[in-house]
């Protein structure tokens, strides 16, 4: 049986020396002695969020990894603790506790990225420790680091570059356990109770839609779901009263919130039961020596600069995503063209239309998969590649057309070439027949489909190659025609004699024709005489018919007169009725006039009231229009400054611009992300104030600029740390000043990481007003006294400090 390694206390595995990660040889020696498969559990999160406490519980100890209670972080680098696995006797449990992210005293944010990525690559179960709730910043950070870890794994292990099977890729990715510390919300969505796992799935679920905003929203969620196939979420309530948190290592379970104790137990049970051994590609399980090799490989890759720092994370991720998007677009274009294009095409326009359609779809594929292609550099690269593909298809189309036409010409003109060889056209008129046959075959050639754009050129080349045959047939034809002319002259003489004989017969026929015409004239005179006799009887018959017709007309007129008399009687009765109704109306009109006079008086009063209302309405409409115009102008200027999280930024900037005292409400402690976000919004607000108020553009005096800026009140909610730095008690205002104090030395303008979009050009201290107040609210002030563990009850604001003093205000019971 393999020996079991049991470390009495944790040991530093990777430390940060002069800005470079260095592996501890002593820790590597311990790893190399482990022959059993290792289950590697790593935890990453913001500083001062209780990561070390959870790792101690996994080790079955209350002490081990350092737990601090002051505003200064304790854990530096990555610390390792190897213990026997409590449920898998043939495995070793390797616990990795990492340095907290977002430390305001850390001079280089690049170290955060390196620690985060290294822990993710080494772990088989990755614990992501955040505070209170799941928010967009945590999702973005996890997304960026997973992408960077994939890049580093490919760089440091070239064999992984060819992974195409999703199952192979998933086998080397860790499981995700997302822990939410000091959770105080209700697990409820749409009026229904949900579990912590459902809360995590809802937060990572992409939205439906195709516009760019939704694509940017869905991208990190889709990547996280692909990278972490196994996901689990745990929530942890506040373990005890704030004053007791400093002695958390020494507290027994009886001194802690029973629900918190149960939550920790559930967390440990899940890790022990579901965490698998670290696995490499091909199902190879990692033991201590292999884990040692992985540590050295990844640390060397990070130290050599293969991993971009947090400041370059967006650019690195954009390059990865956009290169992949270009490849997908090219593959889609090739697929569409090979499916739709049948070479050769009938016309060049047909190929152009298919190219444009496939190009349009390829660009849509690129736009769907691209990420922050701000200067459209990758789109231009795609267009260049598509132009090259188009030229290649044009060349192949011409070659296919030429081959097709050559084969057709050989097939169609083969019988003609055979007739020429047999001498069929070497006769008088043979040239004409040869040309006629050639034209017929050309027409047949033109009727053949799918010849392509080289059809005419191929035909002309073929005909030019047959010019010698055509000339030979022409010379033979001319010689035979000359001989036929001589024979024609002899034939003409014989025809003249025959014509004289025919003229004699024509004279005889003409005399016979004249005789027949004389007989015809006599018959026609007889016919005319008979017609005159017939006309004499016709007038009498015609008069009888006219009389009969006139009688019929008179009967019709009589019937119409009777109808008119009936209509006249009806009109007379109607006229009498109308006269009676007119008399009645005249008597009622007098009453109407009296009523109308009363109505006119009322209408006049109404008109006066309406006129006054319309004047008031016009004034209000004009005022509303002016206000809407100002609001629209403000919104348009804000839109010019928008980023990916445009709504959050707009609300933040607008609140800052409108306030005389600005309250910045954050959780637990001051970290680098909150400072970066506040700096970014102050820069935007200054730009927006200058754009919307041109008079401010000329302000040079700092005192004049400060006079228009609001006061800053920074509130820290659920504060549970000790106000202590370097062994000395400090006030809340001193804590704020220390966090905002710049470091000494020449530092290039940093590029903020995931949470800001512009580099700070002026320190935050010089941009804000001299008036800054620190306010701290603790959970102890929320009424969690001894024996009272309700999380949704009393709320007390603590430590509104102004000018270096601390005051405590009790507001009684108030719901969170």
Foldseek 3Di string as FASTA:
>chain_A
DQDADADPAKDAQWAQDPNAIDGDVVVLVSLQSWPFFEAEEEEAEAFPQCPVCLLCVLQVALDHPDHAFFLDGDDGAKIWGWHQQPPDRRYIYIYIYGGHQFNLPDPDNLVSLLRVLLSQQLHQEYEYEYEAADDPVSLLVVLLSLVLNVQLCCVLPVVCVPDDDLVLQQLQGHAYEYEYEQHQDQCDDPRHHDDQVVRVCVCLDQDDDQDLLSLVVNVSSVSVCSRHVHYHYAYAHDFAFLVCPRVSSVDDSVRTDVVRVVSSVVVSVCCSPPGDGRAHRPGHGDGSNNSSVSSVSSSVSVRVPSRDGLLCSQVVVQVVQLVVLLVVLVVQLVVQCVVPDDAQDQEPVVLVVSLVVSNVVSVSSSSSRGGCCPVCPSVVVSVVVSVVVSVVVVVVNVVRLLVLLVVLCCVLCVVVVVCLVVVVLLAACSLVVSVVSVVVSVVVQVPDPNNHDCNVVNVVVVVVVCPVSSVVSVVSNVVNVVVVVVVVVVVVVVVVVVVVVVVVVVVVVVVVVVVVVVVVVVVVVVVVVVVVVVVVPPPVVVVVVVVVVVVVVVVVVVVVVVVVVVVVVVVVVVVVVVVVVVVVVVVVVVVVVVVVVVVVVVVVVVVVVVVVVVVVVVVVVVVVVVVVVVVVVLVVLLVVVADSPSVVLSVLLVQQQPDQEDEAEEEAADGNLSVQQVLQSLVVNVVSCCVVPVVCVPDDDLVVLQVNGHEYEYEYAQHSHACDDPRHHAAQVVRVCVSQPDDDDDDDFGRDGDRHDGTRPDRPCSSHHPWYWYWYWHVSLQVSDVPRDDSFKAGFTFFRDGPRDTDGDRDTIDGD
